[in-house]
Amino acid sequence: MNKKLALSFFIVITLTACNQTESYTHWTDSTDNQTQRLDEAGIKYEIREGEIWVREKDLKKAVACCS
């Protein structure tokens, strides 16, 4: 019984961790200066149609280093 419970718990935790998607928030228009500052700060971002999109969990960090 304990083995089945432990296995079930492990499977649920593993599947939950694999299903996390990162959501991004619009930051600013893309410039070399902004992308360089984000790179130096180690902040992940995407460039979409000439705009910089920052992960939501890194938004405060981006505001602190790049404003």
PDB file of N, CA and C in Angstrom:
ATOM      1  N   MET A   1       0.823  -1.195   0.000  1.00  0.00           N
ATOM      2  CA  MET A   1       0.000   0.000   0.000  1.00  0.00           C
ATOM      3  C   MET A   1       0.867   1.258   0.000  1.00  0.00           C
ATOM      4  N   ASN A   2       1.890   1.285   0.850  1.00  0.00           N
ATOM      5  CA  ASN A   2       2.750   2.460   0.924  1.00  0.00           C
ATOM      6  C   ASN A   2       3.527   2.674  -0.369  1.00  0.00           C
ATOM      7  N   LYS A   3       3.908   1.581  -1.027  1.00  0.00           N
ATOM      8  CA  LYS A   3       4.640   1.704  -2.284  1.00  0.00           C
ATOM      9  C   LYS A   3       3.759   2.320  -3.362  1.00  0.00           C
ATOM     10  N   LYS A   4       2.489   1.901  -3.413  1.00  0.00           N
ATOM     11  CA  LYS A   4       1.566   2.458  -4.399  1.00  0.00           C
ATOM     12  C   LYS A   4       1.320   3.935  -4.133  1.00  0.00           C
ATOM     13  N   LEU A   5       1.172   4.293  -2.883  1.00  0.00           N
ATOM     14  CA  LEU A   5       0.954   5.689  -2.522  1.00  0.00           C
ATOM     15  C   LEU A   5       2.174   6.534  -2.866  1.00  0.00           C
ATOM     16  N   ALA A   6       3.349   6.039  -2.552  1.00  0.00           N
ATOM     17  CA  ALA A   6       4.582   6.765  -2.856  1.00  0.00           C
ATOM     18  C   ALA A   6       4.774   6.904  -4.362  1.00  0.00           C
ATOM     19  N   LEU A   7       4.497   5.842  -5.104  1.00  0.00           N
ATOM     20  CA  LEU A   7       4.622   5.886  -6.555  1.00  0.00           C
ATOM     21  C   LEU A   7       3.624   6.875  -7.155  1.00  0.00           C
ATOM     22  N   SER A   8       2.404   6.867  -6.672  1.00  0.00           N
ATOM     23  CA  SER A   8       1.389   7.806  -7.154  1.00  0.00           C
ATOM     24  C   SER A   8       1.804   9.243  -6.881  1.00  0.00           C
ATOM     25  N   PHE A   9       2.305   9.498  -5.693  1.00  0.00           N
ATOM     26  CA  PHE A   9       2.759  10.836  -5.328  1.00  0.00           C
ATOM     27  C   PHE A   9       3.904  11.278  -6.238  1.00  0.00           C
ATOM     28  N   PHE A  10       4.860  10.394  -6.475  1.00  0.00           N
ATOM     29  CA  PHE A  10       5.999  10.704  -7.331  1.00  0.00           C
ATOM     30  C   PHE A  10       5.543  11.024  -8.754  1.00  0.00           C
ATOM     31  N   ILE A  11       4.606  10.257  -9.282  1.00  0.00           N
ATOM     32  CA  ILE A  11       4.105  10.482 -10.638  1.00  0.00           C
ATOM     33  C   ILE A  11       3.395  11.823 -10.735  1.00  0.00           C
ATOM     34  N   VAL A  12       2.574  12.143  -9.761  1.00  0.00           N
ATOM     35  CA  VAL A  12       1.857  13.422  -9.774  1.00  0.00           C
ATOM     36  C   VAL A  12       2.837  14.587  -9.732  1.00  0.00           C
ATOM     37  N   ILE A  13       3.826  14.526  -8.866  1.00  0.00           N
ATOM     38  CA  ILE A  13       4.820  15.599  -8.760  1.00  0.00           C
ATOM     39  C   ILE A  13       5.603  15.734 -10.060  1.00  0.00           C
ATOM     40  N   THR A  14       6.004  14.630 -10.644  1.00  0.00           N
ATOM     41  CA  THR A  14       6.776  14.655 -11.887  1.00  0.00           C
ATOM     42  C   THR A  14       5.964  15.251 -13.027  1.00  0.00           C
ATOM     43  N   LEU A  15       4.730  14.840 -13.173  1.00  0.00           N
ATOM     44  CA  LEU A  15       3.894  15.351 -14.254  1.00  0.00           C
ATOM     45  C   LEU A  15       3.550  16.820 -14.058  1.00  0.00           C
ATOM     46  N   THR A  16       3.379  17.244 -12.840  1.00  0.00           N
ATOM     47  CA  THR A  16       3.089  18.646 -12.565  1.00  0.00           C
ATOM     48  C   THR A  16       4.280  19.518 -12.923  1.00  0.00           C
ATOM     49  N   ALA A  17       5.466  19.080 -12.601  1.00  0.00           N
ATOM     50  CA  ALA A  17       6.673  19.848 -12.900  1.00  0.00           C
ATOM     51  C   ALA A  17       6.912  19.941 -14.401  1.00  0.00           C
ATOM     52  N   CYS A  18       6.559  18.933 -15.139  1.00  0.00           N
ATOM     53  CA  CYS A  18       6.781  18.923 -16.584  1.00  0.00           C
ATOM     54  C   CYS A  18       5.781  19.790 -17.329  1.00  0.00           C
ATOM     55  N   ASN A  19       4.689  20.135 -16.714  1.00  0.00           N
ATOM     56  CA  ASN A  19       3.610  20.831 -17.387  1.00  0.00           C
ATOM     57  C   ASN A  19       3.638  22.339 -17.168  1.00  0.00           C
ATOM     58  N   GLN A  20       4.651  22.860 -16.546  1.00  0.00           N
ATOM     59  CA  GLN A  20       4.693  24.286 -16.270  1.00  0.00           C
ATOM     60  C   GLN A  20       5.120  25.048 -17.517  1.00  0.00           C
ATOM     61  N   THR A  21       4.318  26.031 -17.903  1.00  0.00           N
ATOM     62  CA  THR A  21       4.655  26.878 -19.037  1.00  0.00           C
ATOM     63  C   THR A  21       5.047  28.244 -18.519  1.00  0.00           C
ATOM     64  N   GLU A  22       5.956  28.871 -19.205  1.00  0.00           N
ATOM     65  CA  GLU A  22       6.399  30.193 -18.797  1.00  0.00           C
ATOM     66  C   GLU A  22       5.556  31.228 -19.519  1.00  0.00           C
ATOM     67  N   SER A  23       5.027  32.176 -18.780  1.00  0.00           N
ATOM     68  CA  SER A  23       4.268  33.241 -19.406  1.00  0.00           C
ATOM     69  C   SER A  23       5.130  34.498 -19.442  1.00  0.00           C
ATOM     70  N   TYR A  24       4.979  35.244 -20.504  1.00  0.00           N
ATOM     71  CA  TYR A  24       5.787  36.434 -20.732  1.00  0.00           C
ATOM     72  C   TYR A  24       4.910  37.678 -20.733  1.00  0.00           C
ATOM     73  N   THR A  25       5.510  38.804 -20.353  1.00  0.00           N
ATOM     74  CA  THR A  25       4.835  40.093 -20.318  1.00  0.00           C
ATOM     75  C   THR A  25       5.603  41.069 -21.197  1.00  0.00           C
ATOM     76  N   HIS A  26       4.873  41.913 -21.917  1.00  0.00           N
ATOM     77  CA  HIS A  26       5.527  42.912 -22.767  1.00  0.00           C
ATOM     78  C   HIS A  26       6.351  43.848 -21.902  1.00  0.00           C
ATOM     79  N   TRP A  27       7.591  44.070 -22.306  1.00  0.00           N
ATOM     80  CA  TRP A  27       8.497  44.936 -21.542  1.00  0.00           C
ATOM     81  C   TRP A  27       8.666  46.271 -22.242  1.00  0.00           C
ATOM     82  N   THR A  28       9.252  46.289 -23.429  1.00  0.00           N
ATOM     83  CA  THR A  28       9.503  47.528 -24.157  1.00  0.00           C
ATOM     84  C   THR A  28       9.847  47.199 -25.599  1.00  0.00           C
ATOM     85  N   ASP A  29      10.063  48.227 -26.398  1.00  0.00           N
ATOM     86  CA  ASP A  29      10.534  48.004 -27.761  1.00  0.00           C
ATOM     87  C   ASP A  29      11.970  47.502 -27.721  1.00  0.00           C
ATOM     88  N   SER A  30      12.322  46.707 -28.690  1.00  0.00           N
ATOM     89  CA  SER A  30      13.645  46.089 -28.717  1.00  0.00           C
ATOM     90  C   SER A  30      14.714  47.097 -29.130  1.00  0.00           C
ATOM     91  N   THR A  31      15.716  47.265 -28.262  1.00  0.00           N
ATOM     92  CA  THR A  31      16.898  48.065 -28.577  1.00  0.00           C
ATOM     93  C   THR A  31      18.121  47.274 -28.136  1.00  0.00           C
ATOM     94  N   ASP A  32      19.248  47.579 -28.741  1.00  0.00           N
ATOM     95  CA  ASP A  32      20.484  46.887 -28.367  1.00  0.00           C
ATOM     96  C   ASP A  32      20.816  47.119 -26.901  1.00  0.00           C
ATOM     97  N   ASN A  33      20.586  48.332 -26.424  1.00  0.00           N
ATOM     98  CA  ASN A  33      20.881  48.673 -25.030  1.00  0.00           C
ATOM     99  C   ASN A  33      20.054  47.829 -24.061  1.00  0.00           C
ATOM    100  N   GLN A  34      18.764  47.705 -24.324  1.00  0.00           N
ATOM    101  CA  GLN A  34      17.887  46.936 -23.432  1.00  0.00           C
ATOM    102  C   GLN A  34      18.247  45.457 -23.432  1.00  0.00           C
ATOM    103  N   THR A  35      18.493  44.891 -24.601  1.00  0.00           N
ATOM    104  CA  THR A  35      18.829  43.467 -24.657  1.00  0.00           C
ATOM    105  C   THR A  35      20.172  43.189 -23.988  1.00  0.00           C
ATOM    106  N   GLN A  36      21.113  44.123 -24.126  1.00  0.00           N
ATOM    107  CA  GLN A  36      22.410  43.951 -23.467  1.00  0.00           C
ATOM    108  C   GLN A  36      22.250  43.967 -21.947  1.00  0.00           C
ATOM    109  N   ARG A  37      21.444  44.885 -21.433  1.00  0.00           N
ATOM    110  CA  ARG A  37      21.224  44.966 -19.986  1.00  0.00           C
ATOM    111  C   ARG A  37      20.529  43.714 -19.459  1.00  0.00           C
ATOM    112  N   LEU A  38      19.555  43.205 -20.203  1.00  0.00           N
ATOM    113  CA  LEU A  38      18.866  41.981 -19.793  1.00  0.00           C
ATOM    114  C   LEU A  38      19.816  40.790 -19.810  1.00  0.00           C
ATOM    115  N   ASP A  39      20.662  40.721 -20.834  1.00  0.00           N
ATOM    116  CA  ASP A  39      21.647  39.632 -20.910  1.00  0.00           C
ATOM    117  C   ASP A  39      22.617  39.687 -19.736  1.00  0.00           C
ATOM    118  N   GLU A  40      23.104  40.885 -19.414  1.00  0.00           N
ATOM    119  CA  GLU A  40      24.051  41.040 -18.309  1.00  0.00           C
ATOM    120  C   GLU A  40      23.422  40.675 -16.966  1.00  0.00           C
ATOM    121  N   ALA A  41      22.116  40.910 -16.839  1.00  0.00           N
ATOM    122  CA  ALA A  41      21.415  40.598 -15.594  1.00  0.00           C
ATOM    123  C   ALA A  41      20.963  39.137 -15.542  1.00  0.00           C
ATOM    124  N   GLY A  42      21.135  38.410 -16.637  1.00  0.00           N
ATOM    125  CA  GLY A  42      20.736  37.002 -16.665  1.00  0.00           C
ATOM    126  C   GLY A  42      19.233  36.799 -16.725  1.00  0.00           C
ATOM    127  N   ILE A  43      18.528  37.735 -17.333  1.00  0.00           N
ATOM    128  CA  ILE A  43      17.070  37.667 -17.426  1.00  0.00           C
ATOM    129  C   ILE A  43      16.690  37.078 -18.782  1.00  0.00           C
ATOM    130  N   LYS A  44      15.861  36.039 -18.759  1.00  0.00           N
ATOM    131  CA  LYS A  44      15.394  35.434 -20.008  1.00  0.00           C
ATOM    132  C   LYS A  44      14.322  36.326 -20.623  1.00  0.00           C
ATOM    133  N   TYR A  45      14.375  36.450 -21.943  1.00  0.00           N
ATOM    134  CA  TYR A  45      13.392  37.259 -22.654  1.00  0.00           C
ATOM    135  C   TYR A  45      13.205  36.699 -24.048  1.00  0.00           C
ATOM    136  N   GLU A  46      12.152  37.159 -24.700  1.00  0.00           N
ATOM    137  CA  GLU A  46      11.893  36.820 -26.099  1.00  0.00           C
ATOM    138  C   GLU A  46      11.685  38.118 -26.855  1.00  0.00           C
ATOM    139  N   ILE A  47      12.072  38.127 -28.114  1.00  0.00           N
ATOM    140  CA  ILE A  47      11.794  39.279 -28.968  1.00  0.00           C
ATOM    141  C   ILE A  47      10.708  38.858 -29.941  1.00  0.00           C
ATOM    142  N   ARG A  48       9.584  39.566 -29.874  1.00  0.00           N
ATOM    143  CA  ARG A  48       8.430  39.271 -30.729  1.00  0.00           C
ATOM    144  C   ARG A  48       8.059  40.536 -31.488  1.00  0.00           C
ATOM    145  N   GLU A  49       8.159  40.478 -32.788  1.00  0.00           N
ATOM    146  CA  GLU A  49       7.769  41.591 -33.660  1.00  0.00           C
ATOM    147  C   GLU A  49       8.390  42.908 -33.205  1.00  0.00           C
ATOM    148  N   GLY A  50       9.665  42.891 -32.862  1.00  0.00           N
ATOM    149  CA  GLY A  50      10.375  44.109 -32.487  1.00  0.00           C
ATOM    150  C   GLY A  50      10.141  44.567 -31.061  1.00  0.00           C
ATOM    151  N   GLU A  51       9.520  43.736 -30.244  1.00  0.00           N
ATOM    152  CA  GLU A  51       9.265  44.074 -28.844  1.00  0.00           C
ATOM    153  C   GLU A  51       9.914  43.037 -27.940  1.00  0.00           C
ATOM    154  N   ILE A  52      10.344  43.482 -26.760  1.00  0.00           N
ATOM    155  CA  ILE A  52      10.944  42.579 -25.790  1.00  0.00           C
ATOM    156  C   ILE A  52       9.865  42.105 -24.830  1.00  0.00           C
ATOM    157  N   TRP A  53       9.793  40.794 -24.651  1.00  0.00           N
ATOM    158  CA  TRP A  53       8.865  40.165 -23.718  1.00  0.00           C
ATOM    159  C   TRP A  53       9.678  39.463 -22.644  1.00  0.00           C
ATOM    160  N   VAL A  54       9.405  39.780 -21.373  1.00  0.00           N
ATOM    161  CA  VAL A  54      10.142  39.245 -20.228  1.00  0.00           C
ATOM    162  C   VAL A  54       9.245  38.254 -19.496  1.00  0.00           C
ATOM    163  N   ARG A  55       9.864  37.180 -18.954  1.00  0.00           N
ATOM    164  CA  ARG A  55       9.078  36.231 -18.164  1.00  0.00           C
ATOM    165  C   ARG A  55       8.445  36.963 -16.985  1.00  0.00           C
ATOM    166  N   GLU A  56       7.217  36.603 -16.655  1.00  0.00           N
ATOM    167  CA  GLU A  56       6.508  37.269 -15.565  1.00  0.00           C
ATOM    168  C   GLU A  56       7.264  37.170 -14.250  1.00  0.00           C
ATOM    169  N   LYS A  57       7.903  36.027 -14.004  1.00  0.00           N
ATOM    170  CA  LYS A  57       8.605  35.875 -12.735  1.00  0.00           C
ATOM    171  C   LYS A  57       9.875  36.719 -12.679  1.00  0.00           C
ATOM    172  N   ASP A  58      10.369  37.215 -13.816  1.00  0.00           N
ATOM    173  CA  ASP A  58      11.561  38.068 -13.852  1.00  0.00           C
ATOM    174  C   ASP A  58      11.224  39.543 -14.012  1.00  0.00           C
ATOM    175  N   LEU A  59       9.956  39.894 -13.991  1.00  0.00           N
ATOM    176  CA  LEU A  59       9.547  41.266 -14.266  1.00  0.00           C
ATOM    177  C   LEU A  59      10.110  42.250 -13.244  1.00  0.00           C
ATOM    178  N   LYS A  60      10.048  41.928 -11.964  1.00  0.00           N
ATOM    179  CA  LYS A  60      10.588  42.834 -10.941  1.00  0.00           C
ATOM    180  C   LYS A  60      12.091  43.006 -11.098  1.00  0.00           C
ATOM    181  N   LYS A  61      12.765  41.928 -11.433  1.00  0.00           N
ATOM    182  CA  LYS A  61      14.214  41.986 -11.653  1.00  0.00           C
ATOM    183  C   LYS A  61      14.531  42.879 -12.854  1.00  0.00           C
ATOM    184  N   ALA A  62      13.728  42.785 -13.907  1.00  0.00           N
ATOM    185  CA  ALA A  62      13.933  43.620 -15.090  1.00  0.00           C
ATOM    186  C   ALA A  62      13.699  45.089 -14.770  1.00  0.00           C
ATOM    187  N   VAL A  63      12.691  45.374 -13.972  1.00  0.00           N
ATOM    188  CA  VAL A  63      12.419  46.758 -13.580  1.00  0.00           C
ATOM    189  C   VAL A  63      13.586  47.310 -12.770  1.00  0.00           C
ATOM    190  N   ALA A  64      14.129  46.506 -11.875  1.00  0.00           N
ATOM    191  CA  ALA A  64      15.223  46.960 -11.014  1.00  0.00           C
ATOM    192  C   ALA A  64      16.502  47.229 -11.799  1.00  0.00           C
ATOM    193  N   CYS A  65      16.812  46.414 -12.776  1.00  0.00           N
ATOM    194  CA  CYS A  65      18.103  46.565 -13.457  1.00  0.00           C
ATOM    195  C   CYS A  65      18.038  47.393 -14.729  1.00  0.00           C
ATOM    196  N   CYS A  66      16.901  47.469 -15.345  1.00  0.00           N
ATOM    197  CA  CYS A  66      16.863  48.012 -16.707  1.00  0.00           C
ATOM    198  C   CYS A  66      15.967  49.228 -16.877  1.00  0.00           C
ATOM    199  N   SER A  67      15.527  49.831 -15.806  1.00  0.00           N
ATOM    200  CA  SER A  67      14.660  51.011 -15.933  1.00  0.00           C
ATOM    201  C   SER A  67      15.473  52.275 -15.895  1.00  0.00           C
TER     202      SER A  67
END
